[in-house]
Amino acid sequence: MLKGFKEFLLRGNVVDLAVAVVIGTAFVAIITAVTNGIVNPILAVFGKPDEFGLGFRLVADKPATFVQVGPIITAVVNFVLIATVLYFVLVLPALRVKKRFSAKDTTLTDSEVLVEIRDLLADSQRSAGGRHEF
């Protein structure tokens, strides 16, 4: 039972997934710090001095009804930055490596096999001068 569990843990996919989760978590922290340090102050410029940033109040006299739009924009910026970096840093290089080192698909369809047989027969007839030699 422990041997099967060890094989499961040492499978390439499980280890790769664990590494991806750890790196992804660290990367999310970096992007969140960037958006909190840069994007949020820029969004706060558009809010009024007595408000929490970019947003609007549902009821003019009640500060508790302030709807914050800034955190939504920040979350979208976080997502776009993370997706962009992951695509260009991880996905594209992985696709290139996979394409370069993957085995070529040598499976032929029935039609392709028949075309190759026809071409080989035509070549052998030309080289034999049109005579059939068996």
N, C-alpha and C. Protein backbone atom coordinates (compact mmCIF):
# COMPACT_ATOMS: atom_id res chain seq x y z
N MET A 1 0.82 -1.18 0.00
CA MET A 1 0.00 0.00 0.00
C MET A 1 0.87 1.25 0.00
N LEU A 2 1.92 1.26 0.80
CA LEU A 2 2.80 2.42 0.83
C LEU A 2 3.60 2.56 -0.46
N LYS A 3 3.88 1.42 -1.09
CA LYS A 3 4.63 1.47 -2.36
C LYS A 3 3.80 2.17 -3.43
N GLY A 4 2.53 1.85 -3.50
CA GLY A 4 1.65 2.51 -4.46
C GLY A 4 1.52 4.00 -4.20
N PHE A 5 1.44 4.36 -2.91
CA PHE A 5 1.35 5.77 -2.54
C PHE A 5 2.63 6.51 -2.92
N LYS A 6 3.78 5.86 -2.70
CA LYS A 6 5.07 6.45 -3.06
C LYS A 6 5.15 6.65 -4.57
N GLU A 7 4.72 5.66 -5.35
CA GLU A 7 4.73 5.79 -6.81
C GLU A 7 3.81 6.93 -7.26
N PHE A 8 2.67 7.05 -6.60
CA PHE A 8 1.75 8.14 -6.93
C PHE A 8 2.39 9.49 -6.67
N LEU A 9 3.03 9.63 -5.52
CA LEU A 9 3.65 10.91 -5.17
C LEU A 9 4.83 11.26 -6.06
N LEU A 10 5.55 10.25 -6.49
CA LEU A 10 6.74 10.50 -7.30
C LEU A 10 6.45 10.56 -8.79
N ARG A 11 5.20 10.44 -9.15
CA ARG A 11 4.82 10.61 -10.55
C ARG A 11 5.15 12.03 -10.97
N GLY A 12 5.56 12.22 -12.19
CA GLY A 12 5.93 13.54 -12.67
C GLY A 12 4.81 14.56 -12.55
N ASN A 13 3.58 14.18 -12.84
CA ASN A 13 2.47 15.12 -12.82
C ASN A 13 2.20 15.66 -11.43
N VAL A 14 2.29 14.83 -10.41
CA VAL A 14 2.00 15.27 -9.05
C VAL A 14 3.06 16.25 -8.58
N VAL A 15 4.32 15.94 -8.83
CA VAL A 15 5.40 16.83 -8.43
C VAL A 15 5.31 18.14 -9.19
N ASP A 16 5.05 18.08 -10.48
CA ASP A 16 4.91 19.30 -11.28
C ASP A 16 3.75 20.15 -10.79
N LEU A 17 2.65 19.52 -10.45
CA LEU A 17 1.50 20.25 -9.96
C LEU A 17 1.81 20.93 -8.63
N ALA A 18 2.50 20.24 -7.74
CA ALA A 18 2.86 20.83 -6.45
C ALA A 18 3.77 22.04 -6.64
N VAL A 19 4.74 21.91 -7.52
CA VAL A 19 5.64 23.03 -7.80
C VAL A 19 4.85 24.20 -8.40
N ALA A 20 3.93 23.91 -9.30
CA ALA A 20 3.13 24.96 -9.94
C ALA A 20 2.27 25.70 -8.93
N VAL A 21 1.71 24.98 -7.97
CA VAL A 21 0.88 25.62 -6.94
C VAL A 21 1.72 26.55 -6.08
N VAL A 22 2.90 26.09 -5.67
CA VAL A 22 3.77 26.92 -4.83
C VAL A 22 4.23 28.16 -5.59
N ILE A 23 4.67 27.98 -6.81
CA ILE A 23 5.12 29.12 -7.62
C ILE A 23 3.96 30.05 -7.90
N GLY A 24 2.81 29.51 -8.21
CA GLY A 24 1.63 30.34 -8.47
C GLY A 24 1.23 31.16 -7.27
N THR A 25 1.28 30.57 -6.09
CA THR A 25 0.94 31.30 -4.87
C THR A 25 1.93 32.44 -4.63
N ALA A 26 3.21 32.18 -4.81
CA ALA A 26 4.21 33.23 -4.63
C ALA A 26 4.03 34.33 -5.67
N PHE A 27 3.70 33.94 -6.88
CA PHE A 27 3.52 34.92 -7.95
C PHE A 27 2.29 35.79 -7.70
N VAL A 28 1.23 35.20 -7.19
CA VAL A 28 0.02 35.97 -6.85
C VAL A 28 0.35 37.02 -5.80
N ALA A 29 1.19 36.69 -4.84
CA ALA A 29 1.58 37.65 -3.82
C ALA A 29 2.34 38.82 -4.43
N ILE A 30 3.20 38.54 -5.40
CA ILE A 30 3.95 39.61 -6.06
C ILE A 30 3.00 40.52 -6.84
N ILE A 31 2.11 39.93 -7.61
CA ILE A 31 1.18 40.73 -8.41
C ILE A 31 0.25 41.53 -7.51
N THR A 32 -0.20 40.95 -6.42
CA THR A 32 -1.07 41.68 -5.49
C THR A 32 -0.34 42.87 -4.89
N ALA A 33 0.93 42.70 -4.55
CA ALA A 33 1.71 43.81 -4.02
C ALA A 33 1.86 44.92 -5.05
N VAL A 34 2.08 44.54 -6.31
CA VAL A 34 2.21 45.54 -7.37
C VAL A 34 0.91 46.30 -7.56
N THR A 35 -0.21 45.60 -7.60
CA THR A 35 -1.47 46.30 -7.80
C THR A 35 -1.86 47.13 -6.58
N ASN A 36 -1.56 46.64 -5.38
CA ASN A 36 -1.85 47.44 -4.19
C ASN A 36 -0.97 48.68 -4.12
N GLY A 37 0.25 48.56 -4.58
CA GLY A 37 1.18 49.69 -4.52
C GLY A 37 1.04 50.67 -5.66
N ILE A 38 0.55 50.24 -6.81
CA ILE A 38 0.48 51.12 -7.99
C ILE A 38 -0.95 51.35 -8.45
N VAL A 39 -1.70 50.29 -8.69
CA VAL A 39 -3.04 50.42 -9.28
C VAL A 39 -4.02 51.07 -8.29
N ASN A 40 -4.03 50.61 -7.05
CA ASN A 40 -4.98 51.16 -6.08
C ASN A 40 -4.79 52.66 -5.85
N PRO A 41 -3.55 53.16 -5.68
CA PRO A 41 -3.41 54.62 -5.53
C PRO A 41 -3.88 55.40 -6.76
N ILE A 42 -3.67 54.83 -7.94
CA ILE A 42 -4.15 55.51 -9.15
C ILE A 42 -5.68 55.54 -9.17
N LEU A 43 -6.31 54.44 -8.77
CA LEU A 43 -7.77 54.41 -8.72
C LEU A 43 -8.32 55.35 -7.65
N ALA A 44 -7.58 55.51 -6.55
CA ALA A 44 -8.04 56.39 -5.47
C ALA A 44 -8.07 57.85 -5.91
N VAL A 45 -7.30 58.21 -6.93
CA VAL A 45 -7.31 59.58 -7.45
C VAL A 45 -8.70 59.95 -7.94
N PHE A 46 -9.43 58.99 -8.46
CA PHE A 46 -10.75 59.27 -9.04
C PHE A 46 -11.86 59.33 -8.00
N GLY A 47 -11.59 58.93 -6.77
CA GLY A 47 -12.60 58.99 -5.72
C GLY A 47 -12.60 60.35 -5.03
N LYS A 48 -13.65 60.62 -4.29
CA LYS A 48 -13.75 61.86 -3.52
C LYS A 48 -12.91 61.73 -2.26
N PRO A 49 -12.51 62.86 -1.64
CA PRO A 49 -11.65 62.79 -0.44
C PRO A 49 -12.27 62.04 0.73
N ASP A 50 -13.58 62.04 0.88
CA ASP A 50 -14.20 61.36 2.01
C ASP A 50 -14.60 59.91 1.69
N GLU A 51 -14.21 59.42 0.53
CA GLU A 51 -14.57 58.07 0.14
C GLU A 51 -13.35 57.16 0.19
N PHE A 52 -13.57 55.88 0.02
CA PHE A 52 -12.52 54.88 0.13
C PHE A 52 -11.77 54.63 -1.17
N GLY A 53 -12.10 55.34 -2.19
CA GLY A 53 -11.46 55.14 -3.48
C GLY A 53 -12.49 55.24 -4.58
N LEU A 54 -12.23 54.58 -5.67
CA LEU A 54 -13.13 54.63 -6.81
C LEU A 54 -14.40 53.84 -6.50
N GLY A 55 -15.55 54.49 -6.64
CA GLY A 55 -16.81 53.83 -6.37
C GLY A 55 -17.94 54.84 -6.29
N PHE A 56 -19.06 54.40 -5.75
CA PHE A 56 -20.22 55.29 -5.63
C PHE A 56 -21.05 54.88 -4.43
N ARG A 57 -21.84 55.83 -3.94
CA ARG A 57 -22.73 55.56 -2.81
C ARG A 57 -24.13 55.26 -3.33
N LEU A 58 -24.76 54.28 -2.72
CA LEU A 58 -26.13 53.97 -3.08
C LEU A 58 -27.09 54.97 -2.43
N VAL A 59 -26.80 55.37 -1.18
CA VAL A 59 -27.59 56.36 -0.46
C VAL A 59 -26.63 57.48 -0.06
N ALA A 60 -26.93 58.70 -0.44
CA ALA A 60 -26.00 59.81 -0.29
C ALA A 60 -25.58 60.06 1.15
N ASP A 61 -26.45 59.89 2.12
CA ASP A 61 -26.14 60.23 3.51
C ASP A 61 -25.52 59.08 4.30
N LYS A 62 -25.42 57.90 3.73
CA LYS A 62 -24.92 56.73 4.47
C LYS A 62 -23.60 56.23 3.88
N PRO A 63 -22.49 56.47 4.60
CA PRO A 63 -21.19 55.99 4.11
C PRO A 63 -21.11 54.46 3.98
N ALA A 64 -21.92 53.74 4.74
CA ALA A 64 -21.89 52.27 4.69
C ALA A 64 -22.42 51.73 3.36
N THR A 65 -23.08 52.57 2.57
CA THR A 65 -23.63 52.11 1.29
C THR A 65 -22.67 52.37 0.13
N PHE A 66 -21.41 52.68 0.46
CA PHE A 66 -20.43 52.94 -0.60
C PHE A 66 -20.05 51.64 -1.30
N VAL A 67 -20.23 51.59 -2.59
CA VAL A 67 -19.88 50.42 -3.41
C VAL A 67 -18.50 50.68 -4.01
N GLN A 68 -17.55 49.82 -3.65
CA GLN A 68 -16.17 50.01 -4.12
C GLN A 68 -15.97 49.30 -5.45
N VAL A 69 -15.60 50.07 -6.45
CA VAL A 69 -15.31 49.52 -7.77
C VAL A 69 -13.81 49.23 -7.90
N GLY A 70 -13.02 49.95 -7.14
CA GLY A 70 -11.56 49.78 -7.20
C GLY A 70 -11.07 48.36 -6.97
N PRO A 71 -11.55 47.66 -5.93
CA PRO A 71 -11.09 46.28 -5.72
C PRO A 71 -11.45 45.34 -6.88
N ILE A 72 -12.56 45.62 -7.54
CA ILE A 72 -12.93 44.78 -8.69
C ILE A 72 -11.95 45.02 -9.84
N ILE A 73 -11.64 46.28 -10.08
CA ILE A 73 -10.66 46.59 -11.14
C ILE A 73 -9.30 46.01 -10.77
N THR A 74 -8.93 46.09 -9.51
CA THR A 74 -7.66 45.53 -9.06
C THR A 74 -7.62 44.02 -9.28
N ALA A 75 -8.71 43.33 -8.98
CA ALA A 75 -8.76 41.88 -9.19
C ALA A 75 -8.63 41.53 -10.67
N VAL A 76 -9.27 42.33 -11.54
CA VAL A 76 -9.16 42.09 -12.98
C VAL A 76 -7.73 42.31 -13.45
N VAL A 77 -7.10 43.39 -12.96
CA VAL A 77 -5.70 43.65 -13.32
C VAL A 77 -4.81 42.52 -12.84
N ASN A 78 -5.04 42.05 -11.60
CA ASN A 78 -4.28 40.91 -11.09
C ASN A 78 -4.41 39.70 -12.00
N PHE A 79 -5.64 39.38 -12.37
CA PHE A 79 -5.88 38.21 -13.21
C PHE A 79 -5.19 38.34 -14.56
N VAL A 80 -5.33 39.51 -15.18
CA VAL A 80 -4.73 39.70 -16.52
C VAL A 80 -3.21 39.63 -16.44
N LEU A 81 -2.61 40.25 -15.43
CA LEU A 81 -1.16 40.19 -15.29
C LEU A 81 -0.68 38.76 -15.04
N ILE A 82 -1.34 38.05 -14.16
CA ILE A 82 -0.94 36.67 -13.86
C ILE A 82 -1.10 35.79 -15.09
N ALA A 83 -2.23 35.90 -15.77
CA ALA A 83 -2.46 35.08 -16.96
C ALA A 83 -1.44 35.39 -18.05
N THR A 84 -1.11 36.66 -18.23
CA THR A 84 -0.15 37.06 -19.26
C THR A 84 1.24 36.50 -18.97
N VAL A 85 1.70 36.69 -17.76
CA VAL A 85 3.04 36.21 -17.41
C VAL A 85 3.10 34.69 -17.47
N LEU A 86 2.10 34.01 -16.93
CA LEU A 86 2.12 32.55 -16.97
C LEU A 86 2.10 32.03 -18.40
N TYR A 87 1.34 32.68 -19.26
CA TYR A 87 1.27 32.23 -20.65
C TYR A 87 2.63 32.37 -21.34
N PHE A 88 3.25 33.56 -21.18
CA PHE A 88 4.50 33.80 -21.90
C PHE A 88 5.71 33.16 -21.24
N VAL A 89 5.66 32.93 -19.93
CA VAL A 89 6.81 32.36 -19.23
C VAL A 89 6.72 30.83 -19.13
N LEU A 90 5.51 30.29 -18.99
CA LEU A 90 5.39 28.85 -18.81
C LEU A 90 4.76 28.12 -19.99
N VAL A 91 3.62 28.60 -20.46
CA VAL A 91 2.87 27.84 -21.47
C VAL A 91 3.58 27.83 -22.82
N LEU A 92 3.96 28.99 -23.34
CA LEU A 92 4.62 29.02 -24.65
C LEU A 92 5.92 28.22 -24.67
N PRO A 93 6.83 28.41 -23.70
CA PRO A 93 8.03 27.56 -23.72
C PRO A 93 7.72 26.08 -23.61
N ALA A 94 6.74 25.71 -22.80
CA ALA A 94 6.39 24.29 -22.67
C ALA A 94 5.86 23.74 -23.98
N LEU A 95 5.05 24.52 -24.69
CA LEU A 95 4.55 24.07 -25.99
C LEU A 95 5.68 23.91 -26.99
N ARG A 96 6.64 24.83 -26.97
CA ARG A 96 7.78 24.72 -27.89
C ARG A 96 8.61 23.48 -27.59
N VAL A 97 8.86 23.22 -26.31
CA VAL A 97 9.64 22.04 -25.92
C VAL A 97 8.88 20.78 -26.30
N LYS A 98 7.60 20.75 -26.03
CA LYS A 98 6.79 19.58 -26.36
C LYS A 98 6.79 19.33 -27.86
N LYS A 99 6.66 20.41 -28.64
CA LYS A 99 6.64 20.27 -30.10
C LYS A 99 7.99 19.78 -30.61
N ARG A 100 9.06 20.27 -30.03
CA ARG A 100 10.40 19.91 -30.49
C ARG A 100 10.75 18.47 -30.15
N PHE A 101 10.39 18.02 -28.95
CA PHE A 101 10.84 16.71 -28.50
C PHE A 101 9.78 15.63 -28.56
N SER A 102 8.58 15.94 -28.98
CA SER A 102 7.55 14.92 -29.03
C SER A 102 7.79 14.01 -30.23
N ALA A 103 7.35 12.79 -30.08
CA ALA A 103 7.49 11.82 -31.16
C ALA A 103 6.53 12.19 -32.28
N LYS A 104 7.02 12.08 -33.46
CA LYS A 104 6.18 12.37 -34.62
C LYS A 104 5.09 11.31 -34.73
N ASP A 105 3.90 11.76 -35.08
CA ASP A 105 2.78 10.83 -35.23
C ASP A 105 2.93 10.12 -36.57
N THR A 106 3.26 8.83 -36.52
CA THR A 106 3.51 8.06 -37.74
C THR A 106 2.30 7.22 -38.14
N THR A 107 1.20 7.40 -37.48
CA THR A 107 0.00 6.65 -37.81
C THR A 107 -0.59 7.19 -39.10
N LEU A 108 -0.77 6.31 -40.07
CA LEU A 108 -1.32 6.70 -41.36
C LEU A 108 -2.76 6.20 -41.48
N THR A 109 -3.55 6.96 -42.19
CA THR A 109 -4.92 6.52 -42.45
C THR A 109 -4.89 5.48 -43.56
N ASP A 110 -6.00 4.80 -43.75
CA ASP A 110 -6.08 3.79 -44.81
C ASP A 110 -5.83 4.42 -46.17
N SER A 111 -6.38 5.59 -46.40
CA SER A 111 -6.20 6.26 -47.69
C SER A 111 -4.74 6.60 -47.93
N GLU A 112 -4.03 7.06 -46.90
CA GLU A 112 -2.62 7.41 -47.05
C GLU A 112 -1.78 6.17 -47.35
N VAL A 113 -2.10 5.05 -46.73
CA VAL A 113 -1.38 3.80 -46.99
C VAL A 113 -1.60 3.36 -48.43
N LEU A 114 -2.86 3.45 -48.90
CA LEU A 114 -3.15 3.05 -50.29
C LEU A 114 -2.44 3.96 -51.28
N VAL A 115 -2.36 5.25 -51.00
CA VAL A 115 -1.66 6.18 -51.90
C VAL A 115 -0.18 5.82 -51.95
N GLU A 116 0.43 5.50 -50.80
CA GLU A 116 1.84 5.12 -50.79
C GLU A 116 2.07 3.83 -51.57
N ILE A 117 1.17 2.85 -51.44
CA ILE A 117 1.30 1.60 -52.19
C ILE A 117 1.19 1.87 -53.68
N ARG A 118 0.23 2.70 -54.06
CA ARG A 118 0.07 3.04 -55.48
C ARG A 118 1.33 3.70 -56.03
N ASP A 119 1.89 4.64 -55.27
CA ASP A 119 3.10 5.34 -55.72
C ASP A 119 4.28 4.38 -55.83
N LEU A 120 4.42 3.48 -54.87
CA LEU A 120 5.51 2.50 -54.93
C LEU A 120 5.35 1.57 -56.13
N LEU A 121 4.11 1.16 -56.39
CA LEU A 121 3.88 0.30 -57.56
C LEU A 121 4.17 1.03 -58.86
N ALA A 122 3.78 2.29 -58.92
CA ALA A 122 4.04 3.08 -60.13
C ALA A 122 5.54 3.25 -60.33
N ASP A 123 6.29 3.49 -59.26
CA ASP A 123 7.75 3.64 -59.37
C ASP A 123 8.41 2.35 -59.80
N SER A 124 7.93 1.21 -59.26
CA SER A 124 8.55 -0.06 -59.62
C SER A 124 8.23 -0.43 -61.06
N GLN A 125 7.06 -0.05 -61.58
CA GLN A 125 6.73 -0.33 -62.97
C GLN A 125 7.57 0.52 -63.90
N ARG A 126 7.82 1.76 -63.55
CA ARG A 126 8.66 2.63 -64.38
C ARG A 126 10.09 2.12 -64.41
N SER A 127 10.60 1.70 -63.26
CA SER A 127 12.00 1.23 -63.21
C SER A 127 12.16 -0.12 -63.91
N ALA A 128 11.08 -0.90 -64.01
CA ALA A 128 11.16 -2.20 -64.69
C ALA A 128 10.83 -2.07 -66.17
N GLY A 129 10.60 -0.85 -66.64
CA GLY A 129 10.30 -0.64 -68.04
C GLY A 129 8.90 -1.06 -68.42
N GLY A 130 8.01 -1.03 -67.51
CA GLY A 130 6.62 -1.37 -67.79
C GLY A 130 6.37 -2.85 -67.71
N ARG A 131 7.41 -3.67 -67.47
CA ARG A 131 7.22 -5.10 -67.37
C ARG A 131 6.93 -5.48 -65.93
N HIS A 132 6.15 -6.50 -65.77
CA HIS A 132 5.87 -7.00 -64.42
C HIS A 132 6.80 -8.16 -64.15
N GLU A 133 7.58 -8.03 -63.12
CA GLU A 133 8.48 -9.10 -62.74
C GLU A 133 8.07 -9.61 -61.38
N PHE A 134 7.80 -10.88 -61.32
CA PHE A 134 7.40 -11.46 -60.04
C PHE A 134 8.38 -12.50 -59.61
